[in-house]
Amino acid sequence: MFITLADTNQVDLIEIKLGSNSGVNDLFNYSFAYDQTTGLPAGYVWSRTGNKLILQLGSFAYSDVQFGSVRVKQSNGTFSDAFAFVTN
């Protein structure tokens, strides 16, 4: 998964949810601590170059359509609005 952030200042974590249907997170639900590259669950990888994040989310059951959302938590504790997407 690739994510491009508009701004990386004050970012605390990135929350990612994937589901086989809209509004569910049965495939993936994890919050990556910003720039954490070690201590991640098996199969998860975090890599960043500038504002571009490259995340490996491990493996999960294949689904023709996947519904997802991404939110950013700022260091002051507030979350951004969720960016929702659908892929197939």
Protein backbone atom coordinates (compact mmCIF):
# COMPACT_ATOMS: atom_id res chain seq x y z
CA MET A 1 0.00 0.00 0.00
CA PHE A 2 1.23 3.49 -0.85
CA ILE A 3 0.14 6.60 1.04
CA THR A 4 1.27 10.14 0.30
CA LEU A 5 0.85 12.56 3.19
CA ALA A 6 0.30 16.26 2.59
CA ASP A 7 2.37 17.07 5.69
CA THR A 8 4.47 14.91 8.01
CA ASN A 9 4.78 17.44 10.86
CA GLN A 10 3.22 16.36 14.15
CA VAL A 11 2.17 12.90 12.84
CA ASP A 12 1.90 10.33 15.64
CA LEU A 13 0.41 7.32 13.85
CA ILE A 14 -1.34 6.07 10.73
CA GLU A 15 -4.54 4.01 11.18
CA ILE A 16 -5.44 1.63 8.34
CA LYS A 17 -8.58 -0.49 8.03
CA LEU A 18 -9.50 -2.87 5.20
CA GLY A 19 -12.70 -4.85 4.85
CA SER A 20 -14.49 -7.16 2.48
CA ASN A 21 -17.56 -4.90 2.78
CA SER A 22 -18.03 -1.20 3.35
CA GLY A 23 -17.79 -0.21 7.02
CA VAL A 24 -16.09 -3.40 8.25
CA ASN A 25 -12.44 -4.12 8.99
CA ASP A 26 -12.40 -7.91 8.77
CA LEU A 27 -9.26 -8.02 6.57
CA PHE A 28 -6.94 -5.55 8.30
CA ASN A 29 -7.05 -3.15 11.25
CA TYR A 30 -3.78 -1.71 12.52
CA SER A 31 -2.29 1.60 13.61
CA PHE A 32 1.34 2.11 12.61
CA ALA A 33 3.39 4.30 14.96
CA TYR A 34 4.91 6.97 12.75
CA ASP A 35 8.34 5.92 11.43
CA GLN A 36 8.34 2.67 13.44
CA THR A 37 10.44 0.25 11.42
CA THR A 38 11.14 -2.40 14.08
CA GLY A 39 8.92 -4.36 16.42
CA LEU A 40 6.07 -4.64 13.91
CA PRO A 41 3.94 -7.80 13.68
CA ALA A 42 5.20 -10.49 11.31
CA GLY A 43 4.60 -9.56 7.67
CA TYR A 44 4.18 -5.82 8.34
CA VAL A 45 6.76 -3.39 6.95
CA TRP A 46 6.94 0.41 7.23
CA SER A 47 9.09 2.45 4.86
CA ARG A 48 9.03 6.21 4.23
CA THR A 49 10.71 8.53 1.77
CA GLY A 50 9.70 12.14 2.37
CA ASN A 51 5.90 12.25 2.42
CA LYS A 52 5.46 8.85 0.71
CA LEU A 53 4.74 5.82 2.89
CA ILE A 54 5.17 2.29 1.61
CA LEU A 55 3.39 -0.22 3.84
CA GLN A 56 3.32 -3.97 3.58
CA LEU A 57 0.25 -5.24 5.39
CA GLY A 58 0.99 -8.95 5.55
CA SER A 59 -1.30 -11.49 3.94
CA PHE A 60 -5.02 -11.99 4.29
CA ALA A 61 -7.78 -13.83 2.48
CA TYR A 62 -8.27 -12.63 -1.09
CA SER A 63 -11.39 -10.62 -1.84
CA ASP A 64 -12.42 -9.29 -5.25
CA VAL A 65 -13.32 -5.90 -3.75
CA GLN A 66 -11.67 -4.32 -0.74
CA PHE A 67 -12.97 -1.31 1.15
CA GLY A 68 -10.47 0.72 3.13
CA SER A 69 -9.87 3.83 5.15
CA VAL A 70 -6.81 5.66 6.39
CA ARG A 71 -6.63 8.25 9.18
CA VAL A 72 -3.71 10.19 10.60
CA LYS A 73 -3.41 10.85 14.33
CA GLN A 74 -1.58 14.05 15.20
CA SER A 75 0.75 14.34 18.20
CA ASN A 76 -1.94 16.42 19.97
CA GLY A 77 -4.26 13.37 19.94
CA THR A 78 -6.67 14.48 17.21
CA PHE A 79 -7.45 12.33 14.17
CA SER A 80 -7.81 13.56 10.62
CA ASP A 81 -10.95 12.79 8.67
CA ALA A 82 -10.80 9.28 7.21
CA PHE A 83 -9.77 8.90 3.59
CA ALA A 84 -11.92 6.06 2.25
CA PHE A 85 -11.20 4.02 -0.86
CA VAL A 86 -12.36 0.96 -2.77
CA THR A 87 -10.07 -1.31 -4.79
CA ASN A 88 -10.50 -4.45 -6.81
